[in-house]
C-alpha atoms as a PDB file:
ATOM      1  CA  MET A   1     -19.897 -30.913  -5.989  1.00  0.00           C
ATOM      2  CA  VAL A   2     -18.300 -29.446  -9.039  1.00  0.00           C
ATOM      3  CA  THR A   3     -21.272 -27.176  -9.699  1.00  0.00           C
ATOM      4  CA  ILE A   4     -21.140 -25.638  -6.193  1.00  0.00           C
ATOM      5  CA  GLU A   5     -17.423 -25.010  -6.505  1.00  0.00           C
ATOM      6  CA  LEU A   6     -17.941 -23.505  -9.941  1.00  0.00           C
ATOM      7  CA  ALA A   7     -20.753 -21.277  -8.655  1.00  0.00           C
ATOM      8  CA  VAL A   8     -18.603 -20.013  -5.784  1.00  0.00           C
ATOM      9  CA  ALA A   9     -15.662 -19.424  -8.138  1.00  0.00           C
ATOM     10  CA  ILE A  10     -17.887 -17.428 -10.506  1.00  0.00           C
ATOM     11  CA  LEU A  11     -19.190 -15.291  -7.623  1.00  0.00           C
ATOM     12  CA  VAL A  12     -15.666 -14.639  -6.369  1.00  0.00           C
ATOM     13  CA  ALA A  13     -14.494 -13.761  -9.884  1.00  0.00           C
ATOM     14  CA  ALA A  14     -17.438 -11.369 -10.297  1.00  0.00           C
ATOM     15  CA  PHE A  15     -16.648  -9.699  -6.965  1.00  0.00           C
ATOM     16  CA  ILE A  16     -12.962  -9.293  -7.834  1.00  0.00           C
ATOM     17  CA  THR A  17     -13.897  -7.883 -11.234  1.00  0.00           C
ATOM     18  CA  GLY A  18     -16.219  -5.381  -9.560  1.00  0.00           C
ATOM     19  CA  MET A  19     -13.489  -4.328  -7.137  1.00  0.00           C
ATOM     20  CA  LEU A  20     -11.006  -3.881  -9.996  1.00  0.00           C
ATOM     21  CA  CYS A  21     -13.527  -1.713 -11.845  1.00  0.00           C
ATOM     22  CA  TRP A  22     -13.967   0.342  -8.660  1.00  0.00           C
ATOM     23  CA  VAL A  23     -10.196   0.878  -8.435  1.00  0.00           C
ATOM     24  CA  VAL A  24     -10.042   1.950 -12.080  1.00  0.00           C
ATOM     25  CA  ALA A  25     -12.911   4.385 -11.444  1.00  0.00           C
ATOM     26  CA  LEU A  26     -11.031   5.843  -8.457  1.00  0.00           C
ATOM     27  CA  ILE A  27      -7.923   6.313 -10.590  1.00  0.00           C
ATOM     28  CA  GLY A  28     -10.052   8.092 -13.195  1.00  0.00           C
ATOM     29  CA  LEU A  29     -11.605  10.315 -10.522  1.00  0.00           C
ATOM     30  CA  ARG A  30      -8.134  11.173  -9.190  1.00  0.00           C
ATOM     31  CA  THR A  31      -7.050  12.153 -12.698  1.00  0.00           C
ATOM     32  CA  VAL A  32     -10.111  14.382 -13.133  1.00  0.00           C
ATOM     33  CA  CYS A  33      -9.451  16.037  -9.761  1.00  0.00           C
ATOM     34  CA  GLN A  34      -5.805  16.664 -10.701  1.00  0.00           C
ATOM     35  CA  ASP A  35      -6.761  18.137 -14.085  1.00  0.00           C
ATOM     36  CA  ASN A  36      -9.327  20.452 -12.495  1.00  0.00           C
ATOM     37  CA  ALA A  37      -6.943  21.559  -9.738  1.00  0.00           C
ATOM     38  CA  THR A  38      -4.285  22.335 -12.332  1.00  0.00           C
ATOM     39  CA  GLU A  39      -6.744  24.234 -14.538  1.00  0.00           C
ATOM     40  CA  ILE A  40      -8.041  26.354 -11.652  1.00  0.00           C
ATOM     41  CA  ALA A  41      -4.496  27.121 -10.476  1.00  0.00           C
ATOM     42  CA  ARG A  42      -3.345  28.130 -13.961  1.00  0.00           C
ATOM     43  CA  GLN A  43      -6.333  30.415 -14.474  1.00  0.00           C
ATOM     44  CA  LEU A  44      -5.722  32.106 -11.118  1.00  0.00           C
ATOM     45  CA  ALA A  45      -2.012  32.484 -11.923  1.00  0.00           C
ATOM     46  CA  ARG A  46      -2.995  34.308 -15.120  1.00  0.00           C
ATOM     47  CA  GLY A  47      -5.351  36.555 -13.155  1.00  0.00           C
ATOM     48  CA  ASP A  48      -8.526  35.171 -14.727  1.00  0.00           C
ATOM     49  CA  GLN A  49     -10.742  34.703 -11.673  1.00  0.00           C
ATOM     50  CA  ALA A  50     -13.900  34.381 -13.785  1.00  0.00           C
ATOM     51  CA  ALA A  51     -12.548  31.354 -15.700  1.00  0.00           C
ATOM     52  CA  ALA A  52     -11.259  29.796 -12.479  1.00  0.00           C
ATOM     53  CA  MET A  53     -14.678  30.161 -10.856  1.00  0.00           C
ATOM     54  CA  ARG A  54     -16.383  28.618 -13.925  1.00  0.00           C
ATOM     55  CA  VAL A  55     -14.136  25.555 -13.625  1.00  0.00           C
ATOM     56  CA  SER A  56     -14.676  25.470  -9.864  1.00  0.00           C
ATOM     57  CA  ASP A  57     -18.451  25.590 -10.307  1.00  0.00           C
ATOM     58  CA  ALA A  58     -18.367  22.909 -13.025  1.00  0.00           C
ATOM     59  CA  ILE A  59     -16.775  20.286 -10.795  1.00  0.00           C
ATOM     60  CA  ARG A  60     -19.749  19.939  -8.431  1.00  0.00           C
ATOM     61  CA  PRO A  61     -20.201  17.936  -6.190  1.00  0.00           C
ATOM     62  CA  ALA A  62     -16.423  18.051  -5.775  1.00  0.00           C
ATOM     63  CA  THR A  63     -15.018  20.982  -3.816  1.00  0.00           C
ATOM     64  CA  ALA A  64     -12.063  23.222  -4.541  1.00  0.00           C
ATOM     65  CA  GLU A  65     -10.020  24.868  -1.813  1.00  0.00           C
ATOM     66  CA  ILE A  66      -7.899  27.803  -2.973  1.00  0.00           C
ATOM     67  CA  ARG A  67      -5.010  29.204  -0.926  1.00  0.00           C
ATOM     68  CA  SER A  68      -2.833  32.138  -1.872  1.00  0.00           C
ATOM     69  CA  ASP A  69       0.442  32.880  -0.102  1.00  0.00           C
ATOM     70  CA  GLY A  70       2.221  35.803  -1.718  1.00  0.00           C
ATOM     71  CA  ASP A  71       2.823  34.815  -5.321  1.00  0.00           C
ATOM     72  CA  ASP A  72       2.158  31.120  -4.680  1.00  0.00           C
ATOM     73  CA  ILE A  73      -1.281  29.687  -5.388  1.00  0.00           C
ATOM     74  CA  THR A  74      -2.319  26.248  -4.158  1.00  0.00           C
ATOM     75  CA  VAL A  75      -5.547  24.579  -5.231  1.00  0.00           C
ATOM     76  CA  ALA A  76      -6.837  21.359  -3.661  1.00  0.00           C
ATOM     77  CA  VAL A  77      -9.774  19.548  -5.252  1.00  0.00           C
ATOM     78  CA  ARG A  78     -11.589  16.937  -3.179  1.00  0.00           C
ATOM     79  CA  ALA A  79     -14.271  14.481  -4.311  1.00  0.00           C
ATOM     80  CA  GLU A  80     -16.001  11.552  -2.674  1.00  0.00           C
ATOM     81  CA  ALA A  81     -16.728   8.271  -4.403  1.00  0.00           C
ATOM     82  CA  ARG A  82     -19.233   5.791  -2.998  1.00  0.00           C
ATOM     83  CA  TRP A  83     -19.901   2.173  -3.735  1.00  0.00           C
ATOM     84  CA  GLY A  84     -23.098   1.201  -2.020  1.00  0.00           C
ATOM     85  CA  ALA A  85     -22.876   0.102   1.580  1.00  0.00           C
ATOM     86  CA  LEU A  86     -19.098  -0.227   1.459  1.00  0.00           C
ATOM     87  CA  GLY A  87     -18.800   3.461   2.321  1.00  0.00           C
ATOM     88  CA  SER A  88     -17.098   6.353   0.647  1.00  0.00           C
ATOM     89  CA  VAL A  89     -13.544   7.098  -0.399  1.00  0.00           C
ATOM     90  CA  THR A  90     -12.227  10.654  -0.532  1.00  0.00           C
ATOM     91  CA  VAL A  91     -10.017  11.450  -3.495  1.00  0.00           C
ATOM     92  CA  ARG A  92      -7.865  14.581  -3.295  1.00  0.00           C
ATOM     93  CA  ALA A  93      -5.510  16.265  -5.743  1.00  0.00           C
ATOM     94  CA  THR A  94      -3.393  19.387  -5.293  1.00  0.00           C
ATOM     95  CA  ALA A  95      -1.794  21.784  -7.751  1.00  0.00           C
ATOM     96  CA  ALA A  96       0.575  24.638  -6.917  1.00  0.00           C
ATOM     97  CA  VAL A  97       1.689  27.421  -9.245  1.00  0.00           C
ATOM     98  CA  THR A  98       3.384  30.801  -9.029  1.00  0.00           C
ATOM     99  CA  ARG A  99       1.477  33.884 -10.088  1.00  0.00           C
ATOM    100  CA  GLU A 100       2.604  35.236 -13.469  1.00  0.00           C
ATOM    101  CA  PRO A 101       4.607  38.475 -13.482  1.00  0.00           C
ATOM    102  CA  GLY A 102       2.437  41.574 -13.532  1.00  0.00           C
ATOM    103  CA  VAL A 103      -0.661  39.789 -12.273  1.00  0.00           C
ATOM    104  CA  GLN A 104      -2.109  41.179  -9.077  1.00  0.00           C
ATOM    105  CA  GLY A 105      -4.229  39.076  -6.789  1.00  0.00           C
ATOM    106  CA  PRO A 106      -5.182  38.655  -3.180  1.00  0.00           C
ATOM    107  CA  ARG A 107      -2.114  38.359  -0.978  1.00  0.00           C
END
């Protein structure tokens, strides 16, 4: 009896450890999305569209959505994380900045 209980306890502990690792990976992915959204927004605020597009292209398969409203720039980066048959989780981060003085951009 003790061996069956021990085997079940080990399986449950392994599953919980896997889930905790998954949560840590999601937190890391959220941090990466936030860093990329901030970087793209800062580059656009400086008027450097080429650098912003390089960062945007480098984050594949994540997607970046850029909105400009007057002098305000909002960048949302979205990525999906999957863990086998359990499905996918969408992670999203947003950064908003104001365009620097003297920088012209789409309005």
